[in-house]
Amino acid sequence: MLYVGKDILAQPGDRVMLSKEGSAWCQQRYPDWYSDCSGTITRVDKDGKMCDVKWDDRDRPYHYHTGCSSLHHLILISNSKTCRFPRVAFKAARSLACIRKHRSWKPRTSLLLMR
């Protein structure tokens, strides 16, 4: 199970469902936002922490957390990835940032391109 905004970057067109956390949050605070079917991400905020989802059983998009306030309301439906190249996960990006902060790490001066 891949959490959108935690394990994978959100992109418009991704097919998603509510996570357990998202289901509980919606049922408590916004019952009309709850949906137990799949939907499509239609828009992602610039920082990637919120996005809009148009559910298959609804007529308009709704706004959900994908990292904002450490909440992850959406999970990616496994067969929905249509992009050819994998997206960078946040965990890998954070690890790279930690490595760069370490004093012994030095950037490479040459660039190696592989096909």
Foldseek 3Di string as FASTA:
>chain_A
DAFDLAFAFDDFQFKKAWDPQLQVVCVVPPVVQHDGAIWTWHAAPPVRQKTWTDGPPDDDTDIDGRCVVHDGTIDTDVVRDDDPDGGDGPVVVVVVVVQVVDPVDDDDPDDDDDD
